[in-house]
Amino acid sequence: MANTSSAKKADRQNERHRLHNRYYAKTTRNAIRDIRNTTDKEEAQKNAPKVFAMIDKLAKTGVIHKNKAANLKSGIAVFINKLA
């Protein structure tokens, strides 16, 4: 349990940040899942820039590692290129 007022404030901030990060990470995962579940190449290509931007924002803010972001974007690009 936090003893000092600054530690209590840090706990409050950490909780807010955790919920914020969790929301955006989950939203991005859902967007990635939607692209990977599609069979229409044009639709996937249309949605890819938005998803790439979401992934980049997560990496920039430190929610995910930059290498994980690169791997996710690469995997999505490979998937889209394989669609007929």
N, C-alpha and C. Protein backbone atom coordinates (compact mmCIF):
# COMPACT_ATOMS: atom_id res chain seq x y z
N MET A 1 0.85 -1.18 0.00
CA MET A 1 0.00 0.00 0.00
C MET A 1 0.89 1.24 0.00
N ALA A 2 0.49 2.23 -0.77
CA ALA A 2 1.25 3.46 -0.86
C ALA A 2 1.14 4.25 0.43
N ASN A 3 2.27 4.76 0.89
CA ASN A 3 2.29 5.52 2.14
C ASN A 3 2.29 7.01 1.93
N THR A 4 3.01 7.48 0.95
CA THR A 4 3.12 8.92 0.75
C THR A 4 2.08 9.40 -0.26
N SER A 5 1.83 10.69 -0.21
CA SER A 5 0.84 11.24 -1.13
C SER A 5 1.31 11.13 -2.57
N SER A 6 2.61 11.25 -2.81
CA SER A 6 3.11 11.13 -4.18
C SER A 6 2.98 9.69 -4.68
N ALA A 7 3.16 8.71 -3.79
CA ALA A 7 2.99 7.32 -4.19
C ALA A 7 1.51 7.01 -4.48
N LYS A 8 0.62 7.62 -3.70
CA LYS A 8 -0.82 7.42 -3.95
C LYS A 8 -1.21 8.02 -5.29
N LYS A 9 -0.66 9.21 -5.59
CA LYS A 9 -0.94 9.84 -6.88
C LYS A 9 -0.39 8.99 -8.02
N ALA A 10 0.81 8.45 -7.84
CA ALA A 10 1.41 7.61 -8.87
C ALA A 10 0.54 6.38 -9.12
N ASP A 11 -0.02 5.81 -8.05
CA ASP A 11 -0.92 4.66 -8.20
C ASP A 11 -2.16 5.03 -9.02
N ARG A 12 -2.72 6.20 -8.75
CA ARG A 12 -3.89 6.64 -9.51
C ARG A 12 -3.54 6.83 -10.98
N GLN A 13 -2.40 7.46 -11.23
CA GLN A 13 -1.99 7.69 -12.62
C GLN A 13 -1.71 6.38 -13.33
N ASN A 14 -1.03 5.46 -12.64
CA ASN A 14 -0.72 4.17 -13.26
C ASN A 14 -1.98 3.42 -13.65
N GLU A 15 -2.99 3.49 -12.82
CA GLU A 15 -4.25 2.80 -13.12
C GLU A 15 -4.92 3.43 -14.35
N ARG A 16 -4.94 4.76 -14.41
CA ARG A 16 -5.52 5.44 -15.57
C ARG A 16 -4.76 5.09 -16.84
N HIS A 17 -3.43 5.12 -16.77
CA HIS A 17 -2.62 4.81 -17.94
C HIS A 17 -2.80 3.35 -18.36
N ARG A 18 -2.90 2.46 -17.38
CA ARG A 18 -3.07 1.04 -17.70
C ARG A 18 -4.37 0.82 -18.46
N LEU A 19 -5.45 1.43 -17.99
CA LEU A 19 -6.74 1.26 -18.67
C LEU A 19 -6.72 1.88 -20.06
N HIS A 20 -6.09 3.03 -20.19
CA HIS A 20 -5.97 3.69 -21.49
C HIS A 20 -5.18 2.82 -22.46
N ASN A 21 -4.04 2.31 -22.02
CA ASN A 21 -3.21 1.46 -22.87
C ASN A 21 -3.93 0.18 -23.25
N ARG A 22 -4.64 -0.41 -22.29
CA ARG A 22 -5.36 -1.65 -22.55
C ARG A 22 -6.44 -1.45 -23.59
N TYR A 23 -7.14 -0.33 -23.52
CA TYR A 23 -8.19 -0.03 -24.49
C TYR A 23 -7.63 0.07 -25.90
N TYR A 24 -6.57 0.84 -26.08
CA TYR A 24 -6.02 1.03 -27.41
C TYR A 24 -5.34 -0.23 -27.94
N ALA A 25 -4.72 -1.01 -27.05
CA ALA A 25 -4.10 -2.26 -27.48
C ALA A 25 -5.18 -3.24 -27.96
N LYS A 26 -6.28 -3.32 -27.23
CA LYS A 26 -7.37 -4.22 -27.61
C LYS A 26 -8.02 -3.77 -28.91
N THR A 27 -8.22 -2.47 -29.07
CA THR A 27 -8.81 -1.94 -30.29
C THR A 27 -7.93 -2.27 -31.49
N THR A 28 -6.62 -2.14 -31.32
CA THR A 28 -5.70 -2.45 -32.40
C THR A 28 -5.72 -3.93 -32.71
N ARG A 29 -5.74 -4.78 -31.69
CA ARG A 29 -5.80 -6.23 -31.92
C ARG A 29 -7.06 -6.60 -32.69
N ASN A 30 -8.18 -5.96 -32.36
CA ASN A 30 -9.43 -6.24 -33.08
C ASN A 30 -9.33 -5.82 -34.54
N ALA A 31 -8.68 -4.69 -34.80
CA ALA A 31 -8.52 -4.22 -36.18
C ALA A 31 -7.63 -5.17 -36.97
N ILE A 32 -6.57 -5.67 -36.33
CA ILE A 32 -5.68 -6.63 -36.98
C ILE A 32 -6.45 -7.92 -37.28
N ARG A 33 -7.24 -8.36 -36.34
CA ARG A 33 -8.04 -9.57 -36.54
C ARG A 33 -9.02 -9.40 -37.69
N ASP A 34 -9.64 -8.22 -37.79
CA ASP A 34 -10.59 -7.98 -38.87
C ASP A 34 -9.90 -8.04 -40.24
N ILE A 35 -8.69 -7.49 -40.33
CA ILE A 35 -7.96 -7.56 -41.60
C ILE A 35 -7.62 -9.01 -41.93
N ARG A 36 -7.17 -9.76 -40.94
CA ARG A 36 -6.74 -11.14 -41.21
C ARG A 36 -7.91 -12.06 -41.49
N ASN A 37 -9.11 -11.67 -41.09
CA ASN A 37 -10.29 -12.51 -41.35
C ASN A 37 -10.98 -12.16 -42.66
N THR A 38 -10.52 -11.13 -43.34
CA THR A 38 -11.15 -10.74 -44.59
C THR A 38 -10.59 -11.55 -45.75
N THR A 39 -11.41 -11.69 -46.78
CA THR A 39 -10.96 -12.39 -47.98
C THR A 39 -10.90 -11.44 -49.17
N ASP A 40 -11.29 -10.19 -48.97
CA ASP A 40 -11.30 -9.20 -50.04
C ASP A 40 -10.02 -8.38 -49.97
N LYS A 41 -9.21 -8.48 -51.02
CA LYS A 41 -7.91 -7.81 -51.03
C LYS A 41 -8.07 -6.29 -51.02
N GLU A 42 -9.02 -5.76 -51.78
CA GLU A 42 -9.20 -4.31 -51.85
C GLU A 42 -9.61 -3.73 -50.50
N GLU A 43 -10.50 -4.43 -49.81
CA GLU A 43 -10.92 -3.95 -48.49
C GLU A 43 -9.76 -3.98 -47.50
N ALA A 44 -8.97 -5.05 -47.56
CA ALA A 44 -7.81 -5.15 -46.67
C ALA A 44 -6.81 -4.04 -46.96
N GLN A 45 -6.57 -3.75 -48.24
CA GLN A 45 -5.64 -2.68 -48.60
C GLN A 45 -6.16 -1.31 -48.17
N LYS A 46 -7.47 -1.15 -48.20
CA LYS A 46 -8.07 0.12 -47.80
C LYS A 46 -7.92 0.34 -46.29
N ASN A 47 -8.04 -0.72 -45.51
CA ASN A 47 -7.98 -0.60 -44.05
C ASN A 47 -6.56 -0.67 -43.50
N ALA A 48 -5.62 -1.15 -44.28
CA ALA A 48 -4.25 -1.34 -43.79
C ALA A 48 -3.60 -0.06 -43.28
N PRO A 49 -3.68 1.08 -43.97
CA PRO A 49 -3.01 2.28 -43.45
C PRO A 49 -3.52 2.71 -42.07
N LYS A 50 -4.82 2.54 -41.83
CA LYS A 50 -5.37 2.90 -40.52
C LYS A 50 -4.81 1.98 -39.44
N VAL A 51 -4.74 0.69 -39.76
CA VAL A 51 -4.22 -0.27 -38.78
C VAL A 51 -2.73 -0.04 -38.55
N PHE A 52 -1.99 0.25 -39.62
CA PHE A 52 -0.56 0.53 -39.47
C PHE A 52 -0.35 1.76 -38.58
N ALA A 53 -1.18 2.77 -38.73
CA ALA A 53 -1.08 3.97 -37.89
C ALA A 53 -1.36 3.63 -36.43
N MET A 54 -2.34 2.76 -36.20
CA MET A 54 -2.66 2.36 -34.82
C MET A 54 -1.47 1.62 -34.20
N ILE A 55 -0.87 0.72 -34.99
CA ILE A 55 0.28 -0.04 -34.49
C ILE A 55 1.45 0.90 -34.20
N ASP A 56 1.69 1.84 -35.10
CA ASP A 56 2.78 2.80 -34.90
C ASP A 56 2.57 3.63 -33.64
N LYS A 57 1.33 4.02 -33.39
CA LYS A 57 1.05 4.82 -32.20
C LYS A 57 1.31 4.01 -30.93
N LEU A 58 0.94 2.74 -30.94
CA LEU A 58 1.22 1.90 -29.77
C LEU A 58 2.72 1.78 -29.53
N ALA A 59 3.48 1.64 -30.61
CA ALA A 59 4.93 1.52 -30.47
C ALA A 59 5.53 2.84 -30.00
N LYS A 60 5.04 3.95 -30.52
CA LYS A 60 5.58 5.25 -30.16
C LYS A 60 5.36 5.56 -28.69
N THR A 61 4.21 5.17 -28.15
CA THR A 61 3.90 5.46 -26.76
C THR A 61 4.43 4.38 -25.81
N GLY A 62 5.03 3.32 -26.36
CA GLY A 62 5.65 2.31 -25.50
C GLY A 62 4.73 1.21 -25.04
N VAL A 63 3.54 1.12 -25.62
CA VAL A 63 2.63 0.04 -25.23
C VAL A 63 3.14 -1.29 -25.76
N ILE A 64 3.65 -1.26 -27.00
CA ILE A 64 4.31 -2.45 -27.57
C ILE A 64 5.70 -2.04 -28.02
N HIS A 65 6.57 -3.01 -28.17
CA HIS A 65 7.94 -2.75 -28.61
C HIS A 65 7.97 -2.43 -30.09
N LYS A 66 8.93 -1.62 -30.51
CA LYS A 66 8.99 -1.22 -31.92
C LYS A 66 9.23 -2.41 -32.84
N ASN A 67 9.95 -3.42 -32.37
CA ASN A 67 10.17 -4.60 -33.21
C ASN A 67 8.89 -5.41 -33.37
N LYS A 68 8.09 -5.47 -32.31
CA LYS A 68 6.80 -6.16 -32.41
C LYS A 68 5.91 -5.43 -33.40
N ALA A 69 5.95 -4.11 -33.38
CA ALA A 69 5.16 -3.33 -34.32
C ALA A 69 5.60 -3.63 -35.75
N ALA A 70 6.90 -3.69 -35.97
CA ALA A 70 7.41 -3.99 -37.31
C ALA A 70 6.99 -5.38 -37.74
N ASN A 71 7.05 -6.34 -36.83
CA ASN A 71 6.65 -7.71 -37.17
C ASN A 71 5.16 -7.79 -37.50
N LEU A 72 4.33 -7.08 -36.73
CA LEU A 72 2.89 -7.08 -37.00
C LEU A 72 2.60 -6.48 -38.38
N LYS A 73 3.21 -5.34 -38.67
CA LYS A 73 2.98 -4.67 -39.95
C LYS A 73 3.47 -5.53 -41.10
N SER A 74 4.61 -6.18 -40.92
CA SER A 74 5.14 -7.05 -41.97
C SER A 74 4.20 -8.23 -42.20
N GLY A 75 3.71 -8.82 -41.13
CA GLY A 75 2.80 -9.96 -41.27
C GLY A 75 1.51 -9.59 -41.97
N ILE A 76 0.99 -8.40 -41.66
CA ILE A 76 -0.23 -7.95 -42.32
C ILE A 76 0.02 -7.72 -43.80
N ALA A 77 1.17 -7.11 -44.13
CA ALA A 77 1.50 -6.85 -45.53
C ALA A 77 1.65 -8.17 -46.31
N VAL A 78 2.30 -9.15 -45.69
CA VAL A 78 2.45 -10.45 -46.36
C VAL A 78 1.08 -11.08 -46.59
N PHE A 79 0.21 -10.99 -45.58
CA PHE A 79 -1.13 -11.56 -45.70
C PHE A 79 -1.90 -10.89 -46.84
N ILE A 80 -1.84 -9.56 -46.90
CA ILE A 80 -2.57 -8.83 -47.93
C ILE A 80 -2.05 -9.19 -49.32
N ASN A 81 -0.72 -9.31 -49.45
CA ASN A 81 -0.13 -9.64 -50.75
C ASN A 81 -0.49 -11.04 -51.22
N LYS A 82 -0.76 -11.95 -50.28
CA LYS A 82 -1.12 -13.31 -50.66
C LYS A 82 -2.60 -13.45 -51.06
N LEU A 83 -3.42 -12.45 -50.71
CA LEU A 83 -4.83 -12.52 -51.08
C LEU A 83 -4.97 -12.45 -52.59
N ALA A 84 -5.93 -13.21 -53.09
CA ALA A 84 -6.15 -13.23 -54.55
C ALA A 84 -7.03 -12.07 -54.97
